[in-house]
Amino acid sequence: RVYLQMNSLKPEDTAIYSCAVKGGPRIVTSDRMYTYWGQGTQVT
């Protein structure tokens, strides 16, 4: 399981949130480096 605890939410946080797996242990910010994706969950 991977979690994202979101506090003090703002209207600009509204979006579909998706989790993804990268093909390595190091964090990168580019979505192009992630291999598997979930379908997403809506946060409004």
PDB file of all heavy atoms in Angstrom:
ATOM      1  N   ARG A   1       0.829  -1.192   0.000  1.00  0.00           N
ATOM      2  CA  ARG A   1       0.000   0.000   0.000  1.00  0.00           C
ATOM      3  C   ARG A   1       0.869   1.250   0.000  1.00  0.00           C
ATOM      4  O   ARG A   1       1.931   1.289   0.622  1.00  0.00           O
ATOM      5  CB  ARG A   1      -0.909   0.048   1.232  1.00  0.00           C
ATOM      6  CG  ARG A   1      -1.936  -1.062   1.316  1.00  0.00           C
ATOM      7  CD  ARG A   1      -3.058  -0.850   0.323  1.00  0.00           C
ATOM      8  NE  ARG A   1      -4.172  -1.752   0.587  1.00  0.00           N
ATOM      9  CZ  ARG A   1      -4.241  -3.011   0.165  1.00  0.00           C
ATOM     10  NH1 ARG A   1      -3.243  -3.530  -0.552  1.00  0.00           N
ATOM     11  NH2 ARG A   1      -5.305  -3.743   0.450  1.00  0.00           N
ATOM     12  N   VAL A   2       0.409   2.238  -0.707  1.00  0.00           N
ATOM     13  CA  VAL A   2       1.006   3.563  -0.691  1.00  0.00           C
ATOM     14  C   VAL A   2      -0.102   4.548  -0.365  1.00  0.00           C
ATOM     15  O   VAL A   2      -1.212   4.436  -0.894  1.00  0.00           O
ATOM     16  CB  VAL A   2       1.659   3.924  -2.035  1.00  0.00           C
ATOM     17  CG1 VAL A   2       2.274   5.317  -1.968  1.00  0.00           C
ATOM     18  CG2 VAL A   2       2.728   2.902  -2.389  1.00  0.00           C
ATOM     19  N   TYR A   3       0.198   5.502   0.487  1.00  0.00           N
ATOM     20  CA  TYR A   3      -0.811   6.439   0.949  1.00  0.00           C
ATOM     21  C   TYR A   3      -0.417   7.871   0.659  1.00  0.00           C
ATOM     22  O   TYR A   3       0.755   8.211   0.544  1.00  0.00           O
ATOM     23  CB  TYR A   3      -1.040   6.286   2.455  1.00  0.00           C
ATOM     24  CG  TYR A   3      -1.376   4.880   2.881  1.00  0.00           C
ATOM     25  CD1 TYR A   3      -0.381   4.021   3.333  1.00  0.00           C
ATOM     26  CD2 TYR A   3      -2.682   4.419   2.829  1.00  0.00           C
ATOM     27  CE1 TYR A   3      -0.681   2.730   3.724  1.00  0.00           C
ATOM     28  CE2 TYR A   3      -2.995   3.127   3.215  1.00  0.00           C
ATOM     29  CZ  TYR A   3      -1.991   2.283   3.663  1.00  0.00           C
ATOM     30  OH  TYR A   3      -2.295   0.998   4.047  1.00  0.00           O
ATOM     31  N   LEU A   4      -1.413   8.699   0.565  1.00  0.00           N
ATOM     32  CA  LEU A   4      -1.196  10.126   0.448  1.00  0.00           C
ATOM     33  C   LEU A   4      -2.176  10.808   1.393  1.00  0.00           C
ATOM     34  O   LEU A   4      -3.378  10.867   1.119  1.00  0.00           O
ATOM     35  CB  LEU A   4      -1.416  10.623  -0.986  1.00  0.00           C
ATOM     36  CG  LEU A   4      -1.125  12.108  -1.206  1.00  0.00           C
ATOM     37  CD1 LEU A   4       0.379  12.381  -1.037  1.00  0.00           C
ATOM     38  CD2 LEU A   4      -1.584  12.557  -2.589  1.00  0.00           C
ATOM     39  N   GLN A   5      -1.659  11.289   2.497  1.00  0.00           N
ATOM     40  CA  GLN A   5      -2.471  12.029   3.448  1.00  0.00           C
ATOM     41  C   GLN A   5      -2.474  13.486   3.038  1.00  0.00           C
ATOM     42  O   GLN A   5      -1.416  14.099   2.919  1.00  0.00           O
ATOM     43  CB  GLN A   5      -1.928  11.870   4.864  1.00  0.00           C
ATOM     44  CG  GLN A   5      -2.764  12.581   5.920  1.00  0.00           C
ATOM     45  CD  GLN A   5      -2.212  12.417   7.319  1.00  0.00           C
ATOM     46  OE1 GLN A   5      -1.347  11.595   7.560  1.00  0.00           O
ATOM     47  NE2 GLN A   5      -2.720  13.199   8.236  1.00  0.00           N
ATOM     48  N   MET A   6      -3.649  14.025   2.837  1.00  0.00           N
ATOM     49  CA  MET A   6      -3.791  15.387   2.360  1.00  0.00           C
ATOM     50  C   MET A   6      -4.528  16.211   3.401  1.00  0.00           C
ATOM     51  O   MET A   6      -5.675  15.921   3.743  1.00  0.00           O
ATOM     52  CB  MET A   6      -4.545  15.412   1.032  1.00  0.00           C
ATOM     53  CG  MET A   6      -3.916  14.525  -0.046  1.00  0.00           C
ATOM     54  SD  MET A   6      -4.786  14.642  -1.635  1.00  0.00           S
ATOM     55  CE  MET A   6      -6.354  13.880  -1.189  1.00  0.00           C
ATOM     56  N   ASN A   7      -3.866  17.217   3.896  1.00  0.00           N
ATOM     57  CA  ASN A   7      -4.444  18.121   4.879  1.00  0.00           C
ATOM     58  C   ASN A   7      -4.520  19.527   4.316  1.00  0.00           C
ATOM     59  O   ASN A   7      -3.859  19.861   3.338  1.00  0.00           O
ATOM     60  CB  ASN A   7      -3.603  18.128   6.160  1.00  0.00           C
ATOM     61  CG  ASN A   7      -3.517  16.782   6.824  1.00  0.00           C
ATOM     62  OD1 ASN A   7      -4.485  16.033   6.874  1.00  0.00           O
ATOM     63  ND2 ASN A   7      -2.336  16.458   7.364  1.00  0.00           N
ATOM     64  N   SER A   8      -5.328  20.348   4.961  1.00  0.00           N
ATOM     65  CA  SER A   8      -5.490  21.741   4.554  1.00  0.00           C
ATOM     66  C   SER A   8      -5.748  21.861   3.054  1.00  0.00           C
ATOM     67  O   SER A   8      -5.121  22.649   2.353  1.00  0.00           O
ATOM     68  CB  SER A   8      -4.245  22.552   4.941  1.00  0.00           C
ATOM     69  OG  SER A   8      -4.013  22.494   6.332  1.00  0.00           O
ATOM     70  N   LEU A   9      -6.674  21.080   2.586  1.00  0.00           N
ATOM     71  CA  LEU A   9      -6.957  21.037   1.158  1.00  0.00           C
ATOM     72  C   LEU A   9      -7.489  22.363   0.640  1.00  0.00           C
ATOM     73  O   LEU A   9      -8.225  23.069   1.327  1.00  0.00           O
ATOM     74  CB  LEU A   9      -7.954  19.920   0.853  1.00  0.00           C
ATOM     75  CG  LEU A   9      -7.348  18.513   0.881  1.00  0.00           C
ATOM     76  CD1 LEU A   9      -8.439  17.460   0.988  1.00  0.00           C
ATOM     77  CD2 LEU A   9      -6.504  18.283  -0.370  1.00  0.00           C
ATOM     78  N   LYS A  10      -7.098  22.666  -0.582  1.00  0.00           N
ATOM     79  CA  LYS A  10      -7.491  23.888  -1.249  1.00  0.00           C
ATOM     80  C   LYS A  10      -8.247  23.558  -2.526  1.00  0.00           C
ATOM     81  O   LYS A  10      -8.063  22.479  -3.089  1.00  0.00           O
ATOM     82  CB  LYS A  10      -6.256  24.724  -1.594  1.00  0.00           C
ATOM     83  CG  LYS A  10      -5.351  25.042  -0.419  1.00  0.00           C
ATOM     84  CD  LYS A  10      -4.086  25.744  -0.892  1.00  0.00           C
ATOM     85  CE  LYS A  10      -3.161  26.054   0.264  1.00  0.00           C
ATOM     86  NZ  LYS A  10      -1.919  26.730  -0.195  1.00  0.00           N
ATOM     87  N   PRO A  11      -9.081  24.466  -3.013  1.00  0.00           N
ATOM     88  CA  PRO A  11      -9.799  24.210  -4.266  1.00  0.00           C
ATOM     89  C   PRO A  11      -8.875  23.844  -5.418  1.00  0.00           C
ATOM     90  O   PRO A  11      -9.243  23.033  -6.270  1.00  0.00           O
ATOM     91  CB  PRO A  11     -10.535  25.528  -4.524  1.00  0.00           C
ATOM     92  CG  PRO A  11     -10.785  26.068  -3.158  1.00  0.00           C
ATOM     93  CD  PRO A  11      -9.534  25.728  -2.380  1.00  0.00           C
ATOM     94  N   GLU A  12      -7.690  24.423  -5.445  1.00  0.00           N
ATOM     95  CA  GLU A  12      -6.747  24.120  -6.511  1.00  0.00           C
ATOM     96  C   GLU A  12      -6.169  22.713  -6.432  1.00  0.00           C
ATOM     97  O   GLU A  12      -5.457  22.281  -7.336  1.00  0.00           O
ATOM     98  CB  GLU A  12      -5.610  25.154  -6.553  1.00  0.00           C
ATOM     99  CG  GLU A  12      -4.938  25.380  -5.211  1.00  0.00           C
ATOM    100  CD  GLU A  12      -5.472  26.606  -4.495  1.00  0.00           C
ATOM    101  OE1 GLU A  12      -6.710  26.770  -4.449  1.00  0.00           O
ATOM    102  OE2 GLU A  12      -4.656  27.406  -3.990  1.00  0.00           O
ATOM    103  N   ASP A  13      -6.461  21.995  -5.351  1.00  0.00           N
ATOM    104  CA  ASP A  13      -6.060  20.602  -5.240  1.00  0.00           C
ATOM    105  C   ASP A  13      -7.022  19.679  -5.980  1.00  0.00           C
ATOM    106  O   ASP A  13      -6.758  18.476  -6.093  1.00  0.00           O
ATOM    107  CB  ASP A  13      -5.981  20.168  -3.775  1.00  0.00           C
ATOM    108  CG  ASP A  13      -4.873  20.876  -3.015  1.00  0.00           C
ATOM    109  OD1 ASP A  13      -3.772  21.043  -3.581  1.00  0.00           O
ATOM    110  OD2 ASP A  13      -5.109  21.243  -1.848  1.00  0.00           O
ATOM    111  N   THR A  14      -8.125  20.216  -6.443  1.00  0.00           N
ATOM    112  CA  THR A  14      -9.118  19.418  -7.153  1.00  0.00           C
ATOM    113  C   THR A  14      -8.513  18.811  -8.410  1.00  0.00           C
ATOM    114  O   THR A  14      -7.986  19.518  -9.263  1.00  0.00           O
ATOM    115  CB  THR A  14     -10.333  20.270  -7.528  1.00  0.00           C
ATOM    116  OG1 THR A  14     -10.984  20.719  -6.336  1.00  0.00           O
ATOM    117  CG2 THR A  14     -11.321  19.468  -8.356  1.00  0.00           C
ATOM    118  N   ALA A  15      -8.591  17.496  -8.516  1.00  0.00           N
ATOM    119  CA  ALA A  15      -8.007  16.787  -9.648  1.00  0.00           C
ATOM    120  C   ALA A  15      -8.259  15.294  -9.493  1.00  0.00           C
ATOM    121  O   ALA A  15      -8.735  14.838  -8.458  1.00  0.00           O
ATOM    122  CB  ALA A  15      -6.497  17.047  -9.727  1.00  0.00           C
ATOM    123  N   ILE A  16      -7.924  14.564 -10.527  1.00  0.00           N
ATOM    124  CA  ILE A  16      -7.888  13.118 -10.430  1.00  0.00           C
ATOM    125  C   ILE A  16      -6.489  12.734  -9.987  1.00  0.00           C
ATOM    126  O   ILE A  16      -5.505  13.111 -10.630  1.00  0.00           O
ATOM    127  CB  ILE A  16      -8.220  12.443 -11.774  1.00  0.00           C
ATOM    128  CG1 ILE A  16      -9.659  12.747 -12.178  1.00  0.00           C
ATOM    129  CG2 ILE A  16      -8.010  10.937 -11.679  1.00  0.00           C
ATOM    130  CD1 ILE A  16     -10.041  12.202 -13.541  1.00  0.00           C
ATOM    131  N   TYR A  17      -6.406  12.007  -8.905  1.00  0.00           N
ATOM    132  CA  TYR A  17      -5.121  11.604  -8.352  1.00  0.00           C
ATOM    133  C   TYR A  17      -4.818  10.163  -8.718  1.00  0.00           C
ATOM    134  O   TYR A  17      -5.652   9.276  -8.535  1.00  0.00           O
ATOM    135  CB  TYR A  17      -5.129  11.761  -6.827  1.00  0.00           C
ATOM    136  CG  TYR A  17      -5.021  13.192  -6.375  1.00  0.00           C
ATOM    137  CD1 TYR A  17      -6.087  14.072  -6.533  1.00  0.00           C
ATOM    138  CD2 TYR A  17      -3.849  13.674  -5.791  1.00  0.00           C
ATOM    139  CE1 TYR A  17      -5.987  15.393  -6.137  1.00  0.00           C
ATOM    140  CE2 TYR A  17      -3.736  14.992  -5.386  1.00  0.00           C
ATOM    141  CZ  TYR A  17      -4.806  15.849  -5.556  1.00  0.00           C
ATOM    142  OH  TYR A  17      -4.703  17.160  -5.152  1.00  0.00           O
ATOM    143  N   SER A  18      -3.611   9.936  -9.217  1.00  0.00           N
ATOM    144  CA  SER A  18      -3.201   8.607  -9.636  1.00  0.00           C
ATOM    145  C   SER A  18      -1.894   8.220  -8.977  1.00  0.00           C
ATOM    146  O   SER A  18      -1.025   9.065  -8.775  1.00  0.00           O
ATOM    147  CB  SER A  18      -3.020   8.545 -11.155  1.00  0.00           C
ATOM    148  OG  SER A  18      -4.210   8.883 -11.837  1.00  0.00           O
ATOM    149  N   CYS A  19      -1.763   6.959  -8.649  1.00  0.00           N
ATOM    150  CA  CYS A  19      -0.487   6.463  -8.148  1.00  0.00           C
ATOM    151  C   CYS A  19       0.221   5.734  -9.275  1.00  0.00           C
ATOM    152  O   CYS A  19      -0.408   5.238 -10.214  1.00  0.00           O
ATOM    153  CB  CYS A  19      -0.670   5.551  -6.931  1.00  0.00           C
ATOM    154  SG  CYS A  19      -1.566   4.012  -7.228  1.00  0.00           S
ATOM    155  N   ALA A  20       1.535   5.681  -9.181  1.00  0.00           N
ATOM    156  CA  ALA A  20       2.321   5.079 -10.242  1.00  0.00           C
ATOM    157  C   ALA A  20       3.599   4.470  -9.686  1.00  0.00           C
ATOM    158  O   ALA A  20       4.097   4.887  -8.637  1.00  0.00           O
ATOM    159  CB  ALA A  20       2.663   6.123 -11.308  1.00  0.00           C
ATOM    160  N   VAL A  21       4.120   3.503 -10.403  1.00  0.00           N
ATOM    161  CA  VAL A  21       5.352   2.815 -10.025  1.00  0.00           C
ATOM    162  C   VAL A  21       6.448   3.185 -11.014  1.00  0.00           C
ATOM    163  O   VAL A  21       6.249   3.115 -12.231  1.00  0.00           O
ATOM    164  CB  VAL A  21       5.177   1.288 -10.022  1.00  0.00           C
ATOM    165  CG1 VAL A  21       6.478   0.612  -9.596  1.00  0.00           C
ATOM    166  CG2 VAL A  21       4.036   0.879  -9.117  1.00  0.00           C
ATOM    167  N   LYS A  22       7.581   3.554 -10.503  1.00  0.00           N
ATOM    168  CA  LYS A  22       8.742   3.865 -11.329  1.00  0.00           C
ATOM    169  C   LYS A  22       9.595   2.625 -11.499  1.00  0.00           C
ATOM    170  O   LYS A  22       9.620   1.749 -10.648  1.00  0.00           O
ATOM    171  CB  LYS A  22       9.549   4.991 -10.682  1.00  0.00           C
ATOM    172  CG  LYS A  22      10.804   5.394 -11.440  1.00  0.00           C
ATOM    173  CD  LYS A  22      11.533   6.513 -10.734  1.00  0.00           C
ATOM    174  CE  LYS A  22      12.881   6.787 -11.393  1.00  0.00           C
ATOM    175  NZ  LYS A  22      13.816   5.653 -11.190  1.00  0.00           N
ATOM    176  N   GLY A  23      10.330   2.567 -12.576  1.00  0.00           N
ATOM    177  CA  GLY A  23      11.194   1.432 -12.838  1.00  0.00           C
ATOM    178  C   GLY A  23      12.543   1.512 -12.159  1.00  0.00           C
ATOM    179  O   GLY A  23      13.570   1.223 -12.777  1.00  0.00           O
ATOM    180  N   GLY A  24      12.553   1.892 -10.894  1.00  0.00           N
ATOM    181  CA  GLY A  24      13.766   2.002 -10.115  1.00  0.00           C
ATOM    182  C   GLY A  24      13.462   2.568  -8.746  1.00  0.00           C
ATOM    183  O   GLY A  24      12.347   3.003  -8.483  1.00  0.00           O
ATOM    184  N   PRO A  25      14.440   2.588  -7.858  1.00  0.00           N
ATOM    185  CA  PRO A  25      14.203   3.016  -6.472  1.00  0.00           C
ATOM    186  C   PRO A  25      14.238   4.519  -6.233  1.00  0.00           C
ATOM    187  O   PRO A  25      13.770   4.980  -5.193  1.00  0.00           O
ATOM    188  CB  PRO A  25      15.327   2.323  -5.700  1.00  0.00           C
ATOM    189  CG  PRO A  25      16.453   2.295  -6.681  1.00  0.00           C
ATOM    190  CD  PRO A  25      15.804   2.046  -8.014  1.00  0.00           C
ATOM    191  N   ARG A  26      14.802   5.281  -7.147  1.00  0.00           N
ATOM    192  CA  ARG A  26      14.983   6.708  -6.936  1.00  0.00           C
ATOM    193  C   ARG A  26      13.803   7.516  -7.438  1.00  0.00           C
ATOM    194  O   ARG A  26      13.284   7.281  -8.525  1.00  0.00           O
ATOM    195  CB  ARG A  26      16.270   7.169  -7.622  1.00  0.00           C
ATOM    196  CG  ARG A  26      16.654   8.604  -7.322  1.00  0.00           C
ATOM    197  CD  ARG A  26      17.992   8.937  -7.931  1.00  0.00           C
ATOM    198  NE  ARG A  26      18.378  10.317  -7.667  1.00  0.00           N
ATOM    199  CZ  ARG A  26      19.498  10.876  -8.075  1.00  0.00           C
ATOM    200  NH1 ARG A  26      20.374  10.160  -8.776  1.00  0.00           N
ATOM    201  NH2 ARG A  26      19.757  12.138  -7.784  1.00  0.00           N
ATOM    202  N   ILE A  27      13.407   8.497  -6.653  1.00  0.00           N
ATOM    203  CA  ILE A  27      12.279   9.352  -7.000  1.00  0.00           C
ATOM    204  C   ILE A  27      12.637  10.299  -8.134  1.00  0.00           C
ATOM    205  O   ILE A  27      13.698  10.914  -8.137  1.00  0.00           O
ATOM    206  CB  ILE A  27      11.824  10.192  -5.793  1.00  0.00           C
ATOM    207  CG1 ILE A  27      11.400   9.297  -4.629  1.00  0.00           C
ATOM    208  CG2 ILE A  27      10.683  11.127  -6.199  1.00  0.00           C
ATOM    209  CD1 ILE A  27      11.188  10.052  -3.337  1.00  0.00           C
ATOM    210  N   VAL A  28      11.751  10.417  -9.083  1.00  0.00           N
ATOM    211  CA  VAL A  28      11.844  11.423 -10.122  1.00  0.00           C
ATOM    212  C   VAL A  28      10.475  12.054 -10.268  1.00  0.00           C
ATOM    213  O   VAL A  28       9.460  11.466  -9.902  1.00  0.00           O
ATOM    214  CB  VAL A  28      12.307  10.852 -11.476  1.00  0.00           C
ATOM    215  CG1 VAL A  28      13.722  10.307 -11.375  1.00  0.00           C
ATOM    216  CG2 VAL A  28      11.347   9.774 -11.961  1.00  0.00           C
ATOM    217  N   THR A  29      10.441  13.247 -10.813  1.00  0.00           N
ATOM    218  CA  THR A  29       9.177  13.963 -10.921  1.00  0.00           C
ATOM    219  C   THR A  29       8.503  13.818 -12.275  1.00  0.00           C
ATOM    220  O   THR A  29       7.338  14.177 -12.424  1.00  0.00           O
ATOM    221  CB  THR A  29       9.372  15.458 -10.625  1.00  0.00           C
ATOM    222  OG1 THR A  29      10.314  16.012 -11.553  1.00  0.00           O
ATOM    223  CG2 THR A  29       9.909  15.658  -9.207  1.00  0.00           C
ATOM    224  N   SER A  30       9.206  13.304 -13.245  1.00  0.00           N
ATOM    225  CA  SER A  30       8.643  13.138 -14.579  1.00  0.00           C
ATOM    226  C   SER A  30       7.754  11.909 -14.650  1.00  0.00           C
ATOM    227  O   SER A  30       8.180  10.809 -14.311  1.00  0.00           O
ATOM    228  CB  SER A  30       9.750  13.027 -15.621  1.00  0.00           C
ATOM    229  OG  SER A  30       9.207  12.729 -16.899  1.00  0.00           O
ATOM    230  N   ASP A  31       6.533  12.094 -15.114  1.00  0.00           N
ATOM    231  CA  ASP A  31       5.617  10.966 -15.224  1.00  0.00           C
ATOM    232  C   ASP A  31       6.039   9.977 -16.292  1.00  0.00           C
ATOM    233  O   ASP A  31       5.586   8.830 -16.301  1.00  0.00           O
ATOM    234  CB  ASP A  31       4.176  11.442 -15.476  1.00  0.00           C
ATOM    235  CG  ASP A  31       4.042  12.295 -16.726  1.00  0.00           C
ATOM    236  OD1 ASP A  31       5.050  12.555 -17.408  1.00  0.00           O
ATOM    237  OD2 ASP A  31       2.902  12.717 -17.020  1.00  0.00           O
ATOM    238  N   ARG A  32       6.915  10.399 -17.164  1.00  0.00           N
ATOM    239  CA  ARG A  32       7.390   9.523 -18.231  1.00  0.00           C
ATOM    240  C   ARG A  32       8.281   8.411 -17.705  1.00  0.00           C
ATOM    241  O   ARG A  32       8.515   7.432 -18.414  1.00  0.00           O
ATOM    242  CB  ARG A  32       8.151  10.339 -19.279  1.00  0.00           C
ATOM    243  CG  ARG A  32       7.292  11.384 -19.976  1.00  0.00           C
ATOM    244  CD  ARG A  32       8.087  12.160 -21.001  1.00  0.00           C
ATOM    245  NE  ARG A  32       7.278  13.170 -21.667  1.00  0.00           N
ATOM    246  CZ  ARG A  32       7.719  13.982 -22.606  1.00  0.00           C
ATOM    247  NH1 ARG A  32       8.997  13.907 -23.002  1.00  0.00           N
ATOM    248  NH2 ARG A  32       6.906  14.876 -23.142  1.00  0.00           N
ATOM    249  N   MET A  33       8.773   8.544 -16.507  1.00  0.00           N
ATOM    250  CA  MET A  33       9.660   7.557 -15.914  1.00  0.00           C
ATOM    251  C   MET A  33       8.917   6.500 -15.104  1.00  0.00           C
ATOM    252  O   MET A  33       9.543   5.602 -14.549  1.00  0.00           O
ATOM    253  CB  MET A  33      10.692   8.244 -15.021  1.00  0.00           C
ATOM    254  CG  MET A  33      11.623   9.201 -15.766  1.00  0.00           C
ATOM    255  SD  MET A  33      12.717   8.351 -16.948  1.00  0.00           S
ATOM    256  CE  MET A  33      11.848   8.653 -18.496  1.00  0.00           C
ATOM    257  N   TYR A  34       7.610   6.596 -15.049  1.00  0.00           N
ATOM    258  CA  TYR A  34       6.809   5.650 -14.286  1.00  0.00           C
ATOM    259  C   TYR A  34       6.143   4.648 -15.216  1.00  0.00           C
ATOM    260  O   TYR A  34       5.610   5.017 -16.268  1.00  0.00           O
ATOM    261  CB  TYR A  34       5.778   6.384 -13.432  1.00  0.00           C
ATOM    262  CG  TYR A  34       6.423   7.147 -12.301  1.00  0.00           C
ATOM    263  CD1 TYR A  34       7.065   8.364 -12.544  1.00  0.00           C
ATOM    264  CD2 TYR A  34       6.412   6.646 -11.000  1.00  0.00           C
ATOM    265  CE1 TYR A  34       7.685   9.052 -11.513  1.00  0.00           C
ATOM    266  CE2 TYR A  34       7.027   7.334  -9.971  1.00  0.00           C
ATOM    267  CZ  TYR A  34       7.660   8.535 -10.233  1.00  0.00           C
ATOM    268  OH  TYR A  34       8.275   9.226  -9.203  1.00  0.00           O
ATOM    269  N   THR A  35       6.168   3.395 -14.810  1.00  0.00           N
ATOM    270  CA  THR A  35       5.757   2.301 -15.681  1.00  0.00           C
ATOM    271  C   THR A  35       4.293   1.899 -15.547  1.00  0.00           C
ATOM    272  O   THR A  35       3.585   1.737 -16.544  1.00  0.00           O
ATOM    273  CB  THR A  35       6.633   1.060 -15.417  1.00  0.00           C
ATOM    274  OG1 THR A  35       8.016   1.405 -15.597  1.00  0.00           O
ATOM    275  CG2 THR A  35       6.282  -0.061 -16.386  1.00  0.00           C
ATOM    276  N   TYR A  36       3.839   1.716 -14.318  1.00  0.00           N
ATOM    277  CA  TYR A  36       2.472   1.271 -14.069  1.00  0.00           C
ATOM    278  C   TYR A  36       1.662   2.364 -13.406  1.00  0.00           C
ATOM    279  O   TYR A  36       2.160   3.083 -12.532  1.00  0.00           O
ATOM    280  CB  TYR A  36       2.463   0.013 -13.201  1.00  0.00           C
ATOM    281  CG  TYR A  36       3.163  -1.159 -13.826  1.00  0.00           C
ATOM    282  CD1 TYR A  36       4.437  -1.536 -13.409  1.00  0.00           C
ATOM    283  CD2 TYR A  36       2.553  -1.892 -14.836  1.00  0.00           C
ATOM    284  CE1 TYR A  36       5.081  -2.612 -13.987  1.00  0.00           C
ATOM    285  CE2 TYR A  36       3.197  -2.969 -15.422  1.00  0.00           C
ATOM    286  CZ  TYR A  36       4.457  -3.326 -14.997  1.00  0.00           C
ATOM    287  OH  TYR A  36       5.105  -4.395 -15.573  1.00  0.00           O
ATOM    288  N   TRP A  37       0.407   2.448 -13.799  1.00  0.00           N
ATOM    289  CA  TRP A  37      -0.490   3.487 -13.308  1.00  0.00           C
ATOM    290  C   TRP A  37      -1.825   2.924 -12.876  1.00  0.00           C
ATOM    291  O   TRP A  37      -2.336   1.967 -13.464  1.00  0.00           O
ATOM    292  CB  TRP A  37      -0.740   4.534 -14.400  1.00  0.00           C
ATOM    293  CG  TRP A  37       0.470   5.329 -14.757  1.00  0.00           C
ATOM    294  CD1 TRP A  37       1.482   4.957 -15.584  1.00  0.00           C
ATOM    295  CD2 TRP A  37       0.793   6.639 -14.291  1.00  0.00           C
ATOM    296  NE1 TRP A  37       2.428   5.952 -15.672  1.00  0.00           N
ATOM    297  CE2 TRP A  37       2.026   6.993 -14.892  1.00  0.00           C
ATOM    298  CE3 TRP A  37       0.158   7.534 -13.440  1.00  0.00           C
ATOM    299  CZ2 TRP A  37       2.638   8.229 -14.648  1.00  0.00           C
ATOM    300  CZ3 TRP A  37       0.760   8.762 -13.205  1.00  0.00           C
ATOM    301  CH2 TRP A  37       1.990   9.092 -13.809  1.00  0.00           C
ATOM    302  N   GLY A  38      -2.390   3.534 -11.860  1.00  0.00           N
ATOM    303  CA  GLY A  38      -3.744   3.208 -11.469  1.00  0.00           C
ATOM    304  C   GLY A  38      -4.725   4.014 -12.297  1.00  0.00           C
ATOM    305  O   GLY A  38      -4.336   4.851 -13.115  1.00  0.00           O
ATOM    306  N   GLN A  39      -6.000   3.773 -12.089  1.00  0.00           N
ATOM    307  CA  GLN A  39      -7.038   4.457 -12.853  1.00  0.00           C
ATOM    308  C   GLN A  39      -7.353   5.844 -12.311  1.00  0.00           C
ATOM    309  O   GLN A  39      -7.954   6.661 -13.011  1.00  0.00           O
ATOM    310  CB  GLN A  39      -8.315   3.616 -12.881  1.00  0.00           C
ATOM    311  CG  GLN A  39      -8.157   2.296 -13.618  1.00  0.00           C
ATOM    312  CD  GLN A  39      -7.782   2.487 -15.065  1.00  0.00           C
ATOM    313  OE1 GLN A  39      -8.427   3.249 -15.795  1.00  0.00           O
ATOM    314  NE2 GLN A  39      -6.727   1.811 -15.502  1.00  0.00           N
ATOM    315  N   GLY A  40      -6.963   6.106 -11.092  1.00  0.00           N
ATOM    316  CA  GLY A  40      -7.167   7.415 -10.511  1.00  0.00           C
ATOM    317  C   GLY A  40      -8.393   7.489  -9.624  1.00  0.00           C
ATOM    318  O   GLY A  40      -9.337   6.721  -9.768  1.00  0.00           O
ATOM    319  N   THR A  41      -8.368   8.431  -8.710  1.00  0.00           N
ATOM    320  CA  THR A  41      -9.503   8.686  -7.832  1.00  0.00           C
ATOM    321  C   THR A  41      -9.733  10.191  -7.779  1.00  0.00           C
ATOM    322  O   THR A  41      -8.786  10.974  -7.695  1.00  0.00           O
ATOM    323  CB  THR A  41      -9.256   8.103  -6.421  1.00  0.00           C
ATOM    324  OG1 THR A  41     -10.422   8.280  -5.613  1.00  0.00           O
ATOM    325  CG2 THR A  41      -8.065   8.765  -5.734  1.00  0.00           C
ATOM    326  N   GLN A  42     -10.988  10.584  -7.853  1.00  0.00           N
ATOM    327  CA  GLN A  42     -11.330  12.001  -7.925  1.00  0.00           C
ATOM    328  C   GLN A  42     -11.298  12.656  -6.556  1.00  0.00           C
ATOM    329  O   GLN A  42     -11.890  12.154  -5.597  1.00  0.00           O
ATOM    330  CB  GLN A  42     -12.719  12.171  -8.540  1.00  0.00           C
ATOM    331  CG  GLN A  42     -13.195  13.618  -8.623  1.00  0.00           C
ATOM    332  CD  GLN A  42     -12.433  14.420  -9.660  1.00  0.00           C
ATOM    333  OE1 GLN A  42     -12.266  13.972 -10.795  1.00  0.00           O
ATOM    334  NE2 GLN A  42     -11.957  15.603  -9.269  1.00  0.00           N
ATOM    335  N   VAL A  43     -10.620  13.777  -6.491  1.00  0.00           N
ATOM    336  CA  VAL A  43     -10.611  14.609  -5.295  1.00  0.00           C
ATOM    337  C   VAL A  43     -11.175  15.962  -5.682  1.00  0.00           C
ATOM    338  O   VAL A  43     -10.666  16.615  -6.593  1.00  0.00           O
ATOM    339  CB  VAL A  43      -9.195  14.783  -4.717  1.00  0.00           C
ATOM    340  CG1 VAL A  43      -9.196  15.814  -3.583  1.00  0.00           C
ATOM    341  CG2 VAL A  43      -8.661  13.454  -4.224  1.00  0.00           C
ATOM    342  N   THR A  44     -12.228  16.362  -5.007  1.00  0.00           N
ATOM    343  CA  THR A  44     -12.856  17.648  -5.278  1.00  0.00           C
ATOM    344  C   THR A  44     -12.904  18.456  -3.988  1.00  0.00           C
ATOM    345  O   THR A  44     -13.433  17.991  -2.980  1.00  0.00           O
ATOM    346  CB  THR A  44     -14.274  17.475  -5.832  1.00  0.00           C
ATOM    347  OG1 THR A  44     -14.235  16.683  -7.022  1.00  0.00           O
ATOM    348  CG2 THR A  44     -14.890  18.830  -6.152  1.00  0.00           C
TER     349      THR A  44
END
